[in-house]
N, C-alpha and C. Protein backbone atom coordinates (compact mmCIF):
# COMPACT_ATOMS: atom_id res chain seq x y z
N MET A 1 113.67 98.26 114.57
CA MET A 1 112.25 98.28 114.91
C MET A 1 111.91 96.98 115.65
N GLU A 2 111.16 97.09 116.74
CA GLU A 2 110.76 95.93 117.53
C GLU A 2 109.77 95.08 116.74
N PRO A 3 109.73 93.74 117.03
CA PRO A 3 108.81 92.84 116.30
C PRO A 3 107.35 93.29 116.32
N LEU A 4 106.87 93.77 117.47
CA LEU A 4 105.48 94.21 117.57
C LEU A 4 105.24 95.42 116.67
N ASN A 5 106.20 96.35 116.67
CA ASN A 5 106.07 97.53 115.82
C ASN A 5 106.09 97.14 114.34
N LYS A 6 106.90 96.14 113.98
CA LYS A 6 106.94 95.66 112.59
C LYS A 6 105.59 95.06 112.20
N ASN A 7 105.00 94.30 113.11
CA ASN A 7 103.69 93.69 112.84
C ASN A 7 102.65 94.78 112.59
N ILE A 8 102.67 95.81 113.43
CA ILE A 8 101.73 96.91 113.28
C ILE A 8 101.99 97.66 111.98
N GLU A 9 103.27 97.88 111.65
CA GLU A 9 103.62 98.59 110.41
C GLU A 9 103.16 97.80 109.18
N ILE A 10 103.36 96.47 109.20
CA ILE A 10 102.91 95.62 108.08
C ILE A 10 101.40 95.72 107.94
N ALA A 11 100.69 95.61 109.05
CA ALA A 11 99.22 95.67 109.02
C ALA A 11 98.75 97.03 108.50
N LYS A 12 99.37 98.11 108.96
CA LYS A 12 99.00 99.46 108.51
C LYS A 12 99.25 99.63 107.01
N LEU A 13 100.43 99.22 106.56
CA LEU A 13 100.78 99.35 105.15
C LEU A 13 99.84 98.53 104.27
N PHE A 14 99.56 97.31 104.70
CA PHE A 14 98.68 96.45 103.92
C PHE A 14 97.29 97.07 103.82
N ASN A 15 96.79 97.58 104.92
CA ASN A 15 95.48 98.23 104.94
C ASN A 15 95.46 99.46 104.03
N GLU A 16 96.53 100.27 104.08
CA GLU A 16 96.62 101.47 103.24
C GLU A 16 96.67 101.11 101.76
N VAL A 17 97.44 100.08 101.41
CA VAL A 17 97.54 99.65 100.01
C VAL A 17 96.19 99.17 99.51
N ILE A 18 95.51 98.37 100.30
CA ILE A 18 94.18 97.87 99.91
C ILE A 18 93.22 99.03 99.73
N SER A 19 93.26 99.97 100.65
CA SER A 19 92.37 101.13 100.58
C SER A 19 92.64 101.95 99.31
N LEU A 20 93.90 102.19 99.00
CA LEU A 20 94.25 102.94 97.80
C LEU A 20 93.83 102.20 96.53
N LEU A 21 94.05 100.90 96.51
CA LEU A 21 93.68 100.10 95.34
C LEU A 21 92.16 100.09 95.15
N LYS A 22 91.43 99.93 96.26
CA LYS A 22 89.96 99.96 96.19
C LYS A 22 89.48 101.31 95.66
N GLY A 23 90.11 102.39 96.13
CA GLY A 23 89.72 103.72 95.67
C GLY A 23 89.92 103.89 94.17
N ARG A 24 91.06 103.43 93.67
CA ARG A 24 91.34 103.53 92.23
C ARG A 24 90.36 102.67 91.44
N MET A 25 90.11 101.46 91.93
CA MET A 25 89.21 100.55 91.22
C MET A 25 87.77 101.08 91.27
N SER A 26 87.38 101.64 92.40
CA SER A 26 86.02 102.19 92.53
C SER A 26 85.76 103.27 91.49
N LYS A 27 86.76 104.12 91.25
CA LYS A 27 86.60 105.18 90.25
C LYS A 27 86.39 104.58 88.86
N LYS A 28 87.10 103.50 88.55
CA LYS A 28 86.94 102.84 87.25
C LYS A 28 85.54 102.22 87.14
N PHE A 29 85.09 101.59 88.22
CA PHE A 29 83.76 100.99 88.22
C PHE A 29 82.68 102.06 88.05
N GLU A 30 82.84 103.21 88.74
CA GLU A 30 81.86 104.29 88.63
C GLU A 30 81.72 104.78 87.19
N LYS A 31 82.84 104.82 86.47
CA LYS A 31 82.80 105.29 85.08
C LYS A 31 81.94 104.40 84.19
N ILE A 32 81.80 103.13 84.57
CA ILE A 32 80.97 102.23 83.76
C ILE A 32 79.64 101.91 84.46
N GLY A 33 79.32 102.72 85.49
CA GLY A 33 78.02 102.60 86.14
C GLY A 33 77.87 101.43 87.10
N MET A 34 78.97 101.03 87.72
CA MET A 34 78.92 99.91 88.67
C MET A 34 79.61 100.30 89.97
N THR A 35 79.21 99.62 91.04
CA THR A 35 79.91 99.78 92.31
C THR A 35 81.00 98.71 92.40
N MET A 36 81.91 98.90 93.33
CA MET A 36 82.99 97.93 93.54
C MET A 36 82.43 96.54 93.88
N PRO A 37 81.49 96.42 94.83
CA PRO A 37 80.94 95.09 95.12
C PRO A 37 80.25 94.45 93.91
N GLN A 38 79.55 95.26 93.10
CA GLN A 38 78.93 94.71 91.89
C GLN A 38 80.01 94.17 90.96
N GLY A 39 81.08 94.93 90.81
CA GLY A 39 82.18 94.50 89.95
C GLY A 39 82.83 93.22 90.45
N MET A 40 82.97 93.10 91.77
CA MET A 40 83.56 91.90 92.34
C MET A 40 82.67 90.69 92.07
N ILE A 41 81.37 90.85 92.20
CA ILE A 41 80.44 89.75 91.93
C ILE A 41 80.49 89.37 90.46
N ILE A 42 80.50 90.36 89.59
CA ILE A 42 80.60 90.09 88.15
C ILE A 42 81.87 89.31 87.86
N GLY A 43 82.97 89.72 88.48
CA GLY A 43 84.25 89.03 88.28
C GLY A 43 84.21 87.59 88.74
N ILE A 44 83.59 87.34 89.88
CA ILE A 44 83.49 85.98 90.41
C ILE A 44 82.64 85.12 89.49
N LEU A 45 81.50 85.65 89.05
CA LEU A 45 80.64 84.88 88.14
C LEU A 45 81.32 84.63 86.80
N SER A 46 82.09 85.59 86.36
CA SER A 46 82.80 85.43 85.09
C SER A 46 83.83 84.31 85.20
N LYS A 47 84.49 84.27 86.33
CA LYS A 47 85.55 83.27 86.53
C LYS A 47 84.99 81.88 86.82
N HIS A 48 83.95 81.79 87.63
CA HIS A 48 83.46 80.51 88.13
C HIS A 48 82.17 80.02 87.47
N GLY A 49 81.52 80.87 86.70
CA GLY A 49 80.26 80.47 86.07
C GLY A 49 79.11 80.54 87.05
N SER A 50 78.07 79.80 86.77
CA SER A 50 76.85 79.81 87.57
C SER A 50 77.13 79.36 89.01
N MET A 51 76.60 80.13 89.97
CA MET A 51 76.85 79.85 91.39
C MET A 51 75.62 80.17 92.23
N LYS A 52 75.54 79.54 93.40
CA LYS A 52 74.52 79.87 94.38
C LYS A 52 74.93 81.15 95.10
N VAL A 53 73.95 81.86 95.65
CA VAL A 53 74.22 83.09 96.40
C VAL A 53 75.20 82.81 97.54
N SER A 54 75.01 81.71 98.24
CA SER A 54 75.89 81.38 99.36
C SER A 54 77.34 81.18 98.91
N GLU A 55 77.53 80.64 97.72
CA GLU A 55 78.89 80.44 97.18
C GLU A 55 79.53 81.79 96.84
N ILE A 56 78.73 82.68 96.25
CA ILE A 56 79.23 84.02 95.93
C ILE A 56 79.60 84.74 97.23
N SER A 57 78.71 84.64 98.22
CA SER A 57 78.95 85.30 99.52
C SER A 57 80.25 84.83 100.14
N ALA A 58 80.50 83.54 100.08
CA ALA A 58 81.73 82.99 100.66
C ALA A 58 82.97 83.53 99.95
N LYS A 59 82.88 83.66 98.64
CA LYS A 59 84.04 84.14 97.86
C LYS A 59 84.29 85.63 98.05
N ILE A 60 83.23 86.40 98.19
CA ILE A 60 83.37 87.85 98.27
C ILE A 60 83.50 88.34 99.73
N GLY A 61 83.11 87.51 100.68
CA GLY A 61 83.23 87.88 102.08
C GLY A 61 82.12 88.80 102.57
N LEU A 62 80.95 88.71 101.95
CA LEU A 62 79.79 89.48 102.38
C LEU A 62 78.66 88.52 102.74
N SER A 63 77.70 89.00 103.51
CA SER A 63 76.58 88.15 103.92
C SER A 63 75.68 87.82 102.72
N ASN A 64 74.94 86.73 102.85
CA ASN A 64 74.00 86.32 101.80
C ASN A 64 73.00 87.44 101.50
N SER A 65 72.51 88.09 102.56
CA SER A 65 71.50 89.14 102.34
C SER A 65 72.10 90.33 101.59
N THR A 66 73.33 90.70 101.90
CA THR A 66 73.98 91.81 101.19
C THR A 66 74.19 91.45 99.73
N VAL A 67 74.67 90.24 99.48
CA VAL A 67 74.89 89.79 98.10
C VAL A 67 73.56 89.74 97.35
N SER A 68 72.49 89.31 98.01
CA SER A 68 71.17 89.26 97.36
C SER A 68 70.71 90.64 96.93
N VAL A 69 70.94 91.65 97.77
CA VAL A 69 70.55 93.03 97.42
C VAL A 69 71.35 93.50 96.20
N ILE A 70 72.65 93.21 96.20
CA ILE A 70 73.49 93.59 95.06
C ILE A 70 73.03 92.86 93.80
N LEU A 71 72.70 91.58 93.93
CA LEU A 71 72.23 90.80 92.79
C LEU A 71 70.89 91.32 92.27
N ASP A 72 70.02 91.79 93.17
CA ASP A 72 68.75 92.38 92.73
C ASP A 72 69.01 93.55 91.78
N LYS A 73 69.96 94.40 92.15
CA LYS A 73 70.29 95.56 91.31
C LYS A 73 70.89 95.12 89.98
N LEU A 74 71.80 94.13 90.03
CA LEU A 74 72.42 93.64 88.79
C LEU A 74 71.39 92.95 87.90
N GLU A 75 70.41 92.30 88.52
CA GLU A 75 69.35 91.64 87.75
C GLU A 75 68.47 92.68 87.05
N LYS A 76 68.17 93.77 87.75
CA LYS A 76 67.37 94.85 87.15
C LYS A 76 68.11 95.50 85.98
N GLN A 77 69.44 95.49 86.03
CA GLN A 77 70.26 96.05 84.96
C GLN A 77 70.52 95.02 83.84
N ASN A 78 69.91 93.85 83.98
CA ASN A 78 70.05 92.76 83.01
C ASN A 78 71.50 92.29 82.85
N LYS A 79 72.23 92.30 83.97
CA LYS A 79 73.61 91.82 83.95
C LYS A 79 73.72 90.39 84.47
N VAL A 80 72.82 90.02 85.38
CA VAL A 80 72.79 88.66 85.90
C VAL A 80 71.37 88.13 85.84
N GLU A 81 71.26 86.81 85.92
CA GLU A 81 69.94 86.18 86.00
C GLU A 81 69.98 85.08 87.04
N ARG A 82 68.84 84.88 87.66
CA ARG A 82 68.70 83.80 88.64
C ARG A 82 67.93 82.68 87.96
N ILE A 83 68.43 81.46 88.11
CA ILE A 83 67.80 80.29 87.49
C ILE A 83 67.61 79.22 88.55
N ARG A 84 66.37 78.77 88.70
CA ARG A 84 66.05 77.72 89.67
C ARG A 84 66.53 76.38 89.13
N SER A 85 67.16 75.60 90.00
CA SER A 85 67.68 74.28 89.62
C SER A 85 66.53 73.35 89.26
N GLN A 86 66.71 72.59 88.21
CA GLN A 86 65.69 71.60 87.82
C GLN A 86 65.70 70.40 88.77
N GLU A 87 66.88 70.07 89.30
CA GLU A 87 67.00 68.91 90.20
C GLU A 87 66.50 69.22 91.61
N ASP A 88 66.81 70.41 92.11
CA ASP A 88 66.43 70.81 93.46
C ASP A 88 65.76 72.18 93.37
N LYS A 89 64.45 72.20 93.41
CA LYS A 89 63.69 73.45 93.22
C LYS A 89 64.01 74.52 94.26
N ARG A 90 64.63 74.11 95.38
CA ARG A 90 65.00 75.09 96.41
C ARG A 90 66.26 75.85 96.02
N ALA A 91 67.09 75.25 95.19
CA ALA A 91 68.37 75.85 94.81
C ALA A 91 68.20 76.84 93.66
N VAL A 92 68.80 78.02 93.82
CA VAL A 92 68.77 79.04 92.78
C VAL A 92 70.21 79.38 92.43
N TYR A 93 70.49 79.39 91.15
CA TYR A 93 71.83 79.70 90.67
C TYR A 93 71.82 81.06 89.98
N VAL A 94 72.93 81.77 90.12
CA VAL A 94 73.08 83.08 89.50
C VAL A 94 74.15 82.97 88.44
N SER A 95 73.89 83.59 87.29
CA SER A 95 74.90 83.61 86.22
C SER A 95 74.80 84.92 85.47
N LEU A 96 75.84 85.22 84.71
CA LEU A 96 75.82 86.41 83.86
C LEU A 96 74.84 86.17 82.73
N THR A 97 74.12 87.21 82.33
CA THR A 97 73.22 87.08 81.18
C THR A 97 74.06 86.97 79.91
N ALA A 98 73.47 86.38 78.89
CA ALA A 98 74.18 86.23 77.61
C ALA A 98 74.60 87.59 77.06
N ASN A 99 73.71 88.57 77.14
CA ASN A 99 74.03 89.92 76.65
C ASN A 99 75.20 90.53 77.40
N PHE A 100 75.23 90.35 78.71
CA PHE A 100 76.28 90.99 79.50
C PHE A 100 77.62 90.28 79.35
N LYS A 101 77.63 89.01 79.03
CA LYS A 101 78.89 88.30 78.84
C LYS A 101 79.74 89.00 77.79
N GLU A 102 79.10 89.46 76.74
CA GLU A 102 79.83 90.17 75.68
C GLU A 102 80.35 91.51 76.19
N THR A 103 79.51 92.24 76.92
CA THR A 103 79.90 93.52 77.49
C THR A 103 81.03 93.34 78.49
N HIS A 104 80.98 92.23 79.22
CA HIS A 104 81.96 91.97 80.27
C HIS A 104 83.37 91.84 79.72
N LYS A 105 83.51 91.37 78.51
CA LYS A 105 84.86 91.26 77.92
C LYS A 105 85.54 92.62 77.91
N ASN A 106 84.79 93.66 77.55
CA ASN A 106 85.33 95.02 77.55
C ASN A 106 85.60 95.50 78.97
N PHE A 107 84.71 95.18 79.89
CA PHE A 107 84.86 95.55 81.29
C PHE A 107 86.15 94.93 81.86
N HIS A 108 86.35 93.65 81.58
CA HIS A 108 87.54 92.93 82.06
C HIS A 108 88.81 93.58 81.50
N LYS A 109 88.75 93.99 80.26
CA LYS A 109 89.87 94.65 79.61
C LYS A 109 90.19 95.97 80.33
N GLN A 110 89.15 96.73 80.70
CA GLN A 110 89.34 98.01 81.38
C GLN A 110 89.99 97.81 82.75
N VAL A 111 89.58 96.78 83.48
CA VAL A 111 90.17 96.49 84.79
C VAL A 111 91.65 96.16 84.61
N GLY A 112 91.95 95.34 83.61
CA GLY A 112 93.34 94.99 83.34
C GLY A 112 94.17 96.22 82.98
N GLU A 113 93.60 97.12 82.20
CA GLU A 113 94.30 98.35 81.83
C GLU A 113 94.54 99.23 83.04
N ASN A 114 93.60 99.26 83.97
CA ASN A 114 93.76 100.05 85.18
C ASN A 114 94.93 99.52 86.01
N ILE A 115 95.01 98.22 86.16
CA ILE A 115 96.12 97.62 86.90
C ILE A 115 97.44 97.93 86.18
N ARG A 116 97.44 97.81 84.87
CA ARG A 116 98.65 98.10 84.08
C ARG A 116 99.08 99.55 84.29
N ASP A 117 98.11 100.48 84.28
CA ASP A 117 98.43 101.90 84.47
C ASP A 117 99.05 102.14 85.85
N ILE A 118 98.52 101.48 86.85
CA ILE A 118 99.05 101.63 88.21
C ILE A 118 100.49 101.10 88.27
N VAL A 119 100.68 99.89 87.78
CA VAL A 119 101.99 99.24 87.85
C VAL A 119 103.03 99.96 87.00
N SER A 120 102.60 100.55 85.89
CA SER A 120 103.55 101.20 84.98
C SER A 120 104.25 102.40 85.62
N LYS A 121 103.76 102.88 86.74
CA LYS A 121 104.38 104.02 87.42
C LYS A 121 105.63 103.61 88.21
N GLY A 122 105.82 102.29 88.37
CA GLY A 122 106.99 101.81 89.09
C GLY A 122 108.10 101.43 88.13
N THR A 123 109.33 101.46 88.64
CA THR A 123 110.45 101.00 87.84
C THR A 123 110.42 99.48 87.81
N GLU A 124 111.20 98.90 86.92
CA GLU A 124 111.25 97.43 86.85
C GLU A 124 111.75 96.85 88.16
N GLU A 125 112.71 97.51 88.77
CA GLU A 125 113.24 97.04 90.06
C GLU A 125 112.16 97.09 91.15
N GLU A 126 111.38 98.18 91.17
CA GLU A 126 110.31 98.31 92.17
C GLU A 126 109.24 97.24 91.95
N ILE A 127 108.88 97.01 90.71
CA ILE A 127 107.86 96.01 90.39
C ILE A 127 108.33 94.63 90.82
N ASN A 128 109.60 94.32 90.56
CA ASN A 128 110.16 93.03 90.96
C ASN A 128 110.14 92.88 92.48
N LYS A 129 110.44 93.97 93.20
CA LYS A 129 110.40 93.93 94.67
C LYS A 129 108.98 93.69 95.16
N ILE A 130 108.00 94.34 94.52
CA ILE A 130 106.59 94.16 94.90
C ILE A 130 106.20 92.69 94.71
N ILE A 131 106.53 92.15 93.55
CA ILE A 131 106.19 90.74 93.27
C ILE A 131 106.86 89.83 94.28
N GLU A 132 108.14 90.05 94.52
CA GLU A 132 108.88 89.22 95.48
C GLU A 132 108.24 89.31 96.87
N GLY A 133 107.91 90.53 97.29
CA GLY A 133 107.30 90.71 98.60
C GLY A 133 105.93 90.05 98.71
N LEU A 134 105.12 90.18 97.66
CA LEU A 134 103.79 89.57 97.69
C LEU A 134 103.87 88.04 97.65
N VAL A 135 104.79 87.51 96.87
CA VAL A 135 104.98 86.05 96.82
C VAL A 135 105.40 85.54 98.20
N THR A 136 106.30 86.26 98.84
CA THR A 136 106.75 85.88 100.18
C THR A 136 105.60 85.97 101.17
N PHE A 137 104.85 87.06 101.12
CA PHE A 137 103.72 87.23 102.04
C PHE A 137 102.67 86.14 101.83
N LYS A 138 102.39 85.79 100.59
CA LYS A 138 101.44 84.72 100.28
C LYS A 138 101.93 83.40 100.87
N ARG A 139 103.22 83.11 100.71
CA ARG A 139 103.79 81.87 101.25
C ARG A 139 103.64 81.83 102.76
N ILE A 140 103.93 82.96 103.43
CA ILE A 140 103.81 83.02 104.89
C ILE A 140 102.36 82.82 105.31
N LEU A 141 101.42 83.44 104.60
CA LEU A 141 100.00 83.29 104.93
C LEU A 141 99.52 81.85 104.78
N LYS A 142 100.04 81.15 103.78
CA LYS A 142 99.62 79.77 103.53
C LYS A 142 100.19 78.78 104.54
N SER A 143 101.32 79.15 105.17
CA SER A 143 101.98 78.19 106.09
C SER A 143 101.33 78.16 107.44
């Protein structure tokens, strides 16, 4: 296979894998009444704690206005709260509500189980090849 064709094949495969993974994850999110972007925001807040909308936007790769709309819905569901900074009244931070933090533990467990279910369909050799390939791809991307 020519180098250009390999580049196209890698890009196509990567896009297909991401699309399939998003589809599987979206179904899991739907079962608990959330969209994929809502779940991604919840995950980011869970990992990083209180953040500004612009910080969330940078991590998730969506515009500030799109993230704000998603946050409005999550706020109405009492999953996140916006808190104005005491030091800088212009700054607003978003965090998970105390009630939802407890619920999120179960949510995080379900996401982990979904990944486990997907991976369990491969043989040990296939899983090792996937890990090796992803580690290599990550190294190439970083260089």
